[in-house]
């Protein structure tokens, strides 16, 4: 598990948490997608539900496919 993210299963599906740089707090990632960065590393990308800023959690791609 990554130090700056949290993954758990909720009734809605997979819950992925990441750090929003604009809000300066951990938030649930809205619309989380598993992606592969151009250097080949897996990541999870989505948006902050409060401010709409893009959140990227680098590491194991944990979002539902």
PDB file of N, CA and C in Angstrom:
ATOM      1  N   UNK A   1       0.844  -1.177   0.000  1.00  0.00           N
ATOM      2  CA  UNK A   1       0.000   0.000   0.000  1.00  0.00           C
ATOM      3  C   UNK A   1       0.886   1.237   0.000  1.00  0.00           C
ATOM      4  N   UNK A   2       0.473   2.235  -0.737  1.00  0.00           N
ATOM      5  CA  UNK A   2       1.229   3.473  -0.831  1.00  0.00           C
ATOM      6  C   UNK A   2       1.062   4.316   0.421  1.00  0.00           C
ATOM      7  N   UNK A   3       2.069   5.100   0.745  1.00  0.00           N
ATOM      8  CA  UNK A   3       2.033   5.926   1.943  1.00  0.00           C
ATOM      9  C   UNK A   3       1.008   7.049   1.832  1.00  0.00           C
ATOM     10  N   UNK A   4       0.790   7.597   0.637  1.00  0.00           N
ATOM     11  CA  UNK A   4      -0.095   8.741   0.477  1.00  0.00           C
ATOM     12  C   UNK A   4      -1.451   8.387  -0.101  1.00  0.00           C
ATOM     13  N   UNK A   5      -1.795   7.110  -0.169  1.00  0.00           N
ATOM     14  CA  UNK A   5      -3.087   6.756  -0.727  1.00  0.00           C
ATOM     15  C   UNK A   5      -3.708   5.623   0.069  1.00  0.00           C
ATOM     16  N   UNK A   6      -5.003   5.481  -0.093  1.00  0.00           N
ATOM     17  CA  UNK A   6      -5.743   4.456   0.616  1.00  0.00           C
ATOM     18  C   UNK A   6      -6.709   3.820  -0.362  1.00  0.00           C
ATOM     19  N   UNK A   7      -6.801   2.499  -0.335  1.00  0.00           N
ATOM     20  CA  UNK A   7      -7.718   1.790  -1.188  1.00  0.00           C
ATOM     21  C   UNK A   7      -8.542   0.852  -0.321  1.00  0.00           C
ATOM     22  N   UNK A   8      -9.843   0.894  -0.485  1.00  0.00           N
ATOM     23  CA  UNK A   8     -10.712  -0.029   0.216  1.00  0.00           C
ATOM     24  C   UNK A   8     -11.933  -0.280  -0.640  1.00  0.00           C
ATOM     25  N   UNK A   9     -12.725  -1.266  -0.268  1.00  0.00           N
ATOM     26  CA  UNK A   9     -13.922  -1.598  -1.021  1.00  0.00           C
ATOM     27  C   UNK A   9     -15.126  -1.084  -0.253  1.00  0.00           C
ATOM     28  N   UNK A  10     -15.951  -0.317  -0.933  1.00  0.00           N
ATOM     29  CA  UNK A  10     -17.162   0.233  -0.347  1.00  0.00           C
ATOM     30  C   UNK A  10     -18.359  -0.303  -1.136  1.00  0.00           C
ATOM     31  N   UNK A  11     -19.587  -0.042  -0.677  1.00  0.00           N
ATOM     32  CA  UNK A  11     -20.754  -0.498  -1.440  1.00  0.00           C
ATOM     33  C   UNK A  11     -20.799   0.058  -2.857  1.00  0.00           C
ATOM     34  N   UNK A  12     -20.195   1.237  -3.100  1.00  0.00           N
ATOM     35  CA  UNK A  12     -20.170   1.828  -4.437  1.00  0.00           C
ATOM     36  C   UNK A  12     -19.137   1.166  -5.336  1.00  0.00           C
ATOM     37  N   UNK A  13     -18.224   0.390  -4.790  1.00  0.00           N
ATOM     38  CA  UNK A  13     -17.168  -0.232  -5.575  1.00  0.00           C
ATOM     39  C   UNK A  13     -15.832  -0.001  -4.905  1.00  0.00           C
ATOM     40  N   UNK A  14     -14.802   0.248  -5.693  1.00  0.00           N
ATOM     41  CA  UNK A  14     -13.466   0.468  -5.167  1.00  0.00           C
ATOM     42  C   UNK A  14     -13.318   1.924  -4.761  1.00  0.00           C
ATOM     43  N   UNK A  15     -12.854   2.150  -3.563  1.00  0.00           N
ATOM     44  CA  UNK A  15     -12.656   3.491  -3.005  1.00  0.00           C
ATOM     45  C   UNK A  15     -11.170   3.778  -3.057  1.00  0.00           C
ATOM     46  N   UNK A  16     -10.781   4.819  -3.795  1.00  0.00           N
ATOM     47  CA  UNK A  16      -9.381   5.186  -3.916  1.00  0.00           C
ATOM     48  C   UNK A  16      -9.217   6.594  -3.362  1.00  0.00           C
ATOM     49  N   UNK A  17      -8.241   6.770  -2.502  1.00  0.00           N
ATOM     50  CA  UNK A  17      -7.997   8.065  -1.883  1.00  0.00           C
ATOM     51  C   UNK A  17      -6.625   8.566  -2.285  1.00  0.00           C
ATOM     52  N   UNK A  18      -6.540   9.848  -2.586  1.00  0.00           N
ATOM     53  CA  UNK A  18      -5.274  10.475  -2.934  1.00  0.00           C
ATOM     54  C   UNK A  18      -5.205  11.876  -2.366  1.00  0.00           C
ATOM     55  N   UNK A  19      -4.053  12.495  -2.445  1.00  0.00           N
ATOM     56  CA  UNK A  19      -3.834  13.828  -1.886  1.00  0.00           C
ATOM     57  C   UNK A  19      -4.128  14.885  -2.944  1.00  0.00           C
ATOM     58  N   UNK A  20      -5.065  15.782  -2.656  1.00  0.00           N
ATOM     59  CA  UNK A  20      -5.378  16.889  -3.560  1.00  0.00           C
ATOM     60  C   UNK A  20      -4.439  18.046  -3.236  1.00  0.00           C
ATOM     61  N   UNK A  21      -3.671  18.490  -4.218  1.00  0.00           N
ATOM     62  CA  UNK A  21      -2.708  19.561  -3.999  1.00  0.00           C
ATOM     63  C   UNK A  21      -3.379  20.917  -3.824  1.00  0.00           C
ATOM     64  N   UNK A  22      -4.542  21.120  -4.412  1.00  0.00           N
ATOM     65  CA  UNK A  22      -5.233  22.389  -4.286  1.00  0.00           C
ATOM     66  C   UNK A  22      -5.948  22.513  -2.931  1.00  0.00           C
ATOM     67  N   UNK A  23      -6.628  21.438  -2.497  1.00  0.00           N
ATOM     68  CA  UNK A  23      -7.330  21.434  -1.204  1.00  0.00           C
ATOM     69  C   UNK A  23      -6.378  21.184  -0.032  1.00  0.00           C
ATOM     70  N   UNK A  24      -5.215  20.616  -0.330  1.00  0.00           N
ATOM     71  CA  UNK A  24      -4.214  20.242   0.674  1.00  0.00           C
ATOM     72  C   UNK A  24      -4.757  19.265   1.717  1.00  0.00           C
ATOM     73  N   UNK A  25      -5.502  18.269   1.229  1.00  0.00           N
ATOM     74  CA  UNK A  25      -6.023  17.223   2.095  1.00  0.00           C
ATOM     75  C   UNK A  25      -6.258  15.960   1.270  1.00  0.00           C
ATOM     76  N   UNK A  26      -6.439  14.823   1.942  1.00  0.00           N
ATOM     77  CA  UNK A  26      -6.741  13.580   1.253  1.00  0.00           C
ATOM     78  C   UNK A  26      -8.216  13.558   0.912  1.00  0.00           C
ATOM     79  N   UNK A  27      -8.512  13.164  -0.324  1.00  0.00           N
ATOM     80  CA  UNK A  27      -9.888  13.101  -0.811  1.00  0.00           C
ATOM     81  C   UNK A  27     -10.102  11.799  -1.573  1.00  0.00           C
ATOM     82  N   UNK A  28     -11.350  11.367  -1.645  1.00  0.00           N
ATOM     83  CA  UNK A  28     -11.713  10.235  -2.486  1.00  0.00           C
ATOM     84  C   UNK A  28     -11.574  10.678  -3.937  1.00  0.00           C
ATOM     85  N   UNK A  29     -11.002   9.832  -4.786  1.00  0.00           N
ATOM     86  CA  UNK A  29     -10.830  10.170  -6.195  1.00  0.00           C
ATOM     87  C   UNK A  29     -12.121   9.860  -6.941  1.00  0.00           C
ATOM     88  N   UNK A  30     -12.691  10.877  -7.576  1.00  0.00           N
ATOM     89  CA  UNK A  30     -13.919  10.742  -8.349  1.00  0.00           C
ATOM     90  C   UNK A  30     -13.552  10.339  -9.774  1.00  0.00           C
ATOM     91  N   UNK A  31     -14.218   9.306 -10.288  1.00  0.00           N
ATOM     92  CA  UNK A  31     -13.952   8.862 -11.655  1.00  0.00           C
ATOM     93  C   UNK A  31     -12.574   8.254 -11.810  1.00  0.00           C
ATOM     94  N   UNK A  32     -12.140   7.456 -10.832  1.00  0.00           N
ATOM     95  CA  UNK A  32     -10.796   6.879 -10.842  1.00  0.00           C
ATOM     96  C   UNK A  32     -10.617   5.883 -11.989  1.00  0.00           C
ATOM     97  N   UNK A  33      -9.512   6.027 -12.710  1.00  0.00           N
ATOM     98  CA  UNK A  33      -9.152   5.138 -13.819  1.00  0.00           C
ATOM     99  C   UNK A  33      -7.729   4.653 -13.648  1.00  0.00           C
ATOM    100  N   UNK A  34      -7.494   3.372 -13.943  1.00  0.00           N
ATOM    101  CA  UNK A  34      -6.139   2.851 -13.952  1.00  0.00           C
ATOM    102  C   UNK A  34      -5.471   3.277 -15.253  1.00  0.00           C
ATOM    103  N   UNK A  35      -4.278   3.826 -15.153  1.00  0.00           N
ATOM    104  CA  UNK A  35      -3.535   4.275 -16.327  1.00  0.00           C
ATOM    105  C   UNK A  35      -2.094   3.798 -16.207  1.00  0.00           C
ATOM    106  N   UNK A  36      -1.375   3.858 -17.314  1.00  0.00           N
ATOM    107  CA  UNK A  36       0.052   3.579 -17.332  1.00  0.00           C
ATOM    108  C   UNK A  36       0.756   4.854 -17.767  1.00  0.00           C
ATOM    109  N   UNK A  37       1.685   5.323 -16.957  1.00  0.00           N
ATOM    110  CA  UNK A  37       2.426   6.535 -17.289  1.00  0.00           C
ATOM    111  C   UNK A  37       3.388   6.241 -18.429  1.00  0.00           C
ATOM    112  N   UNK A  38       3.922   7.289 -19.061  1.00  0.00           N
ATOM    113  CA  UNK A  38       4.774   7.061 -20.226  1.00  0.00           C
ATOM    114  C   UNK A  38       6.093   6.383 -19.883  1.00  0.00           C
ATOM    115  N   UNK A  39       6.475   6.357 -18.591  1.00  0.00           N
ATOM    116  CA  UNK A  39       7.667   5.618 -18.195  1.00  0.00           C
ATOM    117  C   UNK A  39       7.345   4.176 -17.827  1.00  0.00           C
ATOM    118  N   UNK A  40       6.073   3.758 -17.996  1.00  0.00           N
ATOM    119  CA  UNK A  40       5.680   2.374 -17.786  1.00  0.00           C
ATOM    120  C   UNK A  40       5.127   2.068 -16.399  1.00  0.00           C
ATOM    121  N   UNK A  41       5.125   3.031 -15.503  1.00  0.00           N
ATOM    122  CA  UNK A  41       4.640   2.786 -14.141  1.00  0.00           C
ATOM    123  C   UNK A  41       3.111   2.866 -14.105  1.00  0.00           C
ATOM    124  N   UNK A  42       2.470   1.997 -13.327  1.00  0.00           N
ATOM    125  CA  UNK A  42       1.013   2.075 -13.187  1.00  0.00           C
ATOM    126  C   UNK A  42       0.624   3.222 -12.269  1.00  0.00           C
ATOM    127  N   UNK A  43      -0.562   3.771 -12.486  1.00  0.00           N
ATOM    128  CA  UNK A  43      -1.059   4.872 -11.661  1.00  0.00           C
ATOM    129  C   UNK A  43      -2.577   4.873 -11.704  1.00  0.00           C
ATOM    130  N   UNK A  44      -3.171   5.649 -10.813  1.00  0.00           N
ATOM    131  CA  UNK A  44      -4.610   5.865 -10.792  1.00  0.00           C
ATOM    132  C   UNK A  44      -4.855   7.356 -10.934  1.00  0.00           C
ATOM    133  N   UNK A  45      -5.715   7.735 -11.888  1.00  0.00           N
ATOM    134  CA  UNK A  45      -6.018   9.143 -12.107  1.00  0.00           C
ATOM    135  C   UNK A  45      -7.514   9.382 -11.992  1.00  0.00           C
ATOM    136  N   UNK A  46      -7.860  10.568 -11.519  1.00  0.00           N
ATOM    137  CA  UNK A  46      -9.251  10.977 -11.403  1.00  0.00           C
ATOM    138  C   UNK A  46      -9.295  12.437 -11.011  1.00  0.00           C
ATOM    139  N   UNK A  47     -10.426  12.873 -10.478  1.00  0.00           N
ATOM    140  CA  UNK A  47     -10.562  14.259 -10.085  1.00  0.00           C
ATOM    141  C   UNK A  47     -10.990  14.364  -8.628  1.00  0.00           C
ATOM    142  N   UNK A  48     -10.704  15.522  -8.041  1.00  0.00           N
ATOM    143  CA  UNK A  48     -11.125  15.833  -6.682  1.00  0.00           C
ATOM    144  C   UNK A  48     -12.618  16.160  -6.724  1.00  0.00           C
ATOM    145  N   UNK A  49     -13.443  15.551  -5.863  1.00  0.00           N
ATOM    146  CA  UNK A  49     -14.877  15.837  -5.894  1.00  0.00           C
ATOM    147  C   UNK A  49     -15.233  17.236  -5.396  1.00  0.00           C
ATOM    148  N   UNK A  50     -14.325  17.911  -4.697  1.00  0.00           N
ATOM    149  CA  UNK A  50     -14.602  19.231  -4.140  1.00  0.00           C
ATOM    150  C   UNK A  50     -14.212  20.343  -5.112  1.00  0.00           C
ATOM    151  N   UNK A  51     -12.957  20.324  -5.596  1.00  0.00           N
ATOM    152  CA  UNK A  51     -12.474  21.430  -6.427  1.00  0.00           C
ATOM    153  C   UNK A  51     -12.302  21.079  -7.901  1.00  0.00           C
ATOM    154  N   UNK A  52     -12.328  19.784  -8.257  1.00  0.00           N
ATOM    155  CA  UNK A  52     -12.221  19.377  -9.654  1.00  0.00           C
ATOM    156  C   UNK A  52     -10.808  19.253 -10.195  1.00  0.00           C
ATOM    157  N   UNK A  53      -9.798  19.408  -9.342  1.00  0.00           N
ATOM    158  CA  UNK A  53      -8.406  19.282  -9.763  1.00  0.00           C
ATOM    159  C   UNK A  53      -8.078  17.816 -10.052  1.00  0.00           C
ATOM    160  N   UNK A  54      -7.215  17.579 -11.055  1.00  0.00           N
ATOM    161  CA  UNK A  54      -6.802  16.221 -11.375  1.00  0.00           C
ATOM    162  C   UNK A  54      -5.912  15.667 -10.259  1.00  0.00           C
ATOM    163  N   UNK A  55      -6.205  14.436  -9.814  1.00  0.00           N
ATOM    164  CA  UNK A  55      -5.401  13.750  -8.796  1.00  0.00           C
ATOM    165  C   UNK A  55      -4.791  12.518  -9.445  1.00  0.00           C
ATOM    166  N   UNK A  56      -3.496  12.319  -9.256  1.00  0.00           N
ATOM    167  CA  UNK A  56      -2.794  11.146  -9.756  1.00  0.00           C
ATOM    168  C   UNK A  56      -2.093  10.468  -8.594  1.00  0.00           C
ATOM    169  N   UNK A  57      -2.357   9.174  -8.413  1.00  0.00           N
ATOM    170  CA  UNK A  57      -1.683   8.381  -7.398  1.00  0.00           C
ATOM    171  C   UNK A  57      -0.772   7.414  -8.145  1.00  0.00           C
ATOM    172  N   UNK A  58       0.533   7.585  -7.974  1.00  0.00           N
ATOM    173  CA  UNK A  58       1.505   6.757  -8.672  1.00  0.00           C
ATOM    174  C   UNK A  58       1.731   5.486  -7.851  1.00  0.00           C
ATOM    175  N   UNK A  59       1.776   4.372  -8.549  1.00  0.00           N
ATOM    176  CA  UNK A  59       1.984   3.077  -7.896  1.00  0.00           C
ATOM    177  C   UNK A  59       1.037   2.069  -8.495  1.00  0.00           C
ATOM    178  N   UNK A  60       0.674   1.104  -7.721  1.00  0.00           N
ATOM    179  CA  UNK A  60      -0.206   0.057  -8.189  1.00  0.00           C
ATOM    180  C   UNK A  60      -1.517   0.653  -8.689  1.00  0.00           C
ATOM    181  N   UNK A  61      -1.904   0.340  -9.923  1.00  0.00           N
ATOM    182  CA  UNK A  61      -3.172   0.818 -10.469  1.00  0.00           C
ATOM    183  C   UNK A  61      -4.307   0.124  -9.752  1.00  0.00           C
ATOM    184  N   UNK A  62      -5.044   0.870  -8.911  1.00  0.00           N
ATOM    185  CA  UNK A  62      -6.025   0.249  -8.029  1.00  0.00           C
ATOM    186  C   UNK A  62      -7.460   0.513  -8.418  1.00  0.00           C
ATOM    187  N   UNK A  63      -7.719   1.319  -9.414  1.00  0.00           N
ATOM    188  CA  UNK A  63      -9.099   1.628  -9.790  1.00  0.00           C
ATOM    189  C   UNK A  63      -9.727   0.458 -10.526  1.00  0.00           C
ATOM    190  N   UNK A  64     -11.028   0.359 -10.431  1.00  0.00           N
ATOM    191  CA  UNK A  64     -11.754  -0.703 -11.133  1.00  0.00           C
ATOM    192  C   UNK A  64     -11.670  -0.487 -12.638  1.00  0.00           C
ATOM    193  N   UNK A  65     -11.529  -1.556 -13.370  1.00  0.00           N
ATOM    194  CA  UNK A  65     -11.391  -1.448 -14.824  1.00  0.00           C
ATOM    195  C   UNK A  65     -12.731  -1.509 -15.494  1.00  0.00           C
TER     196      UNK A  65
END
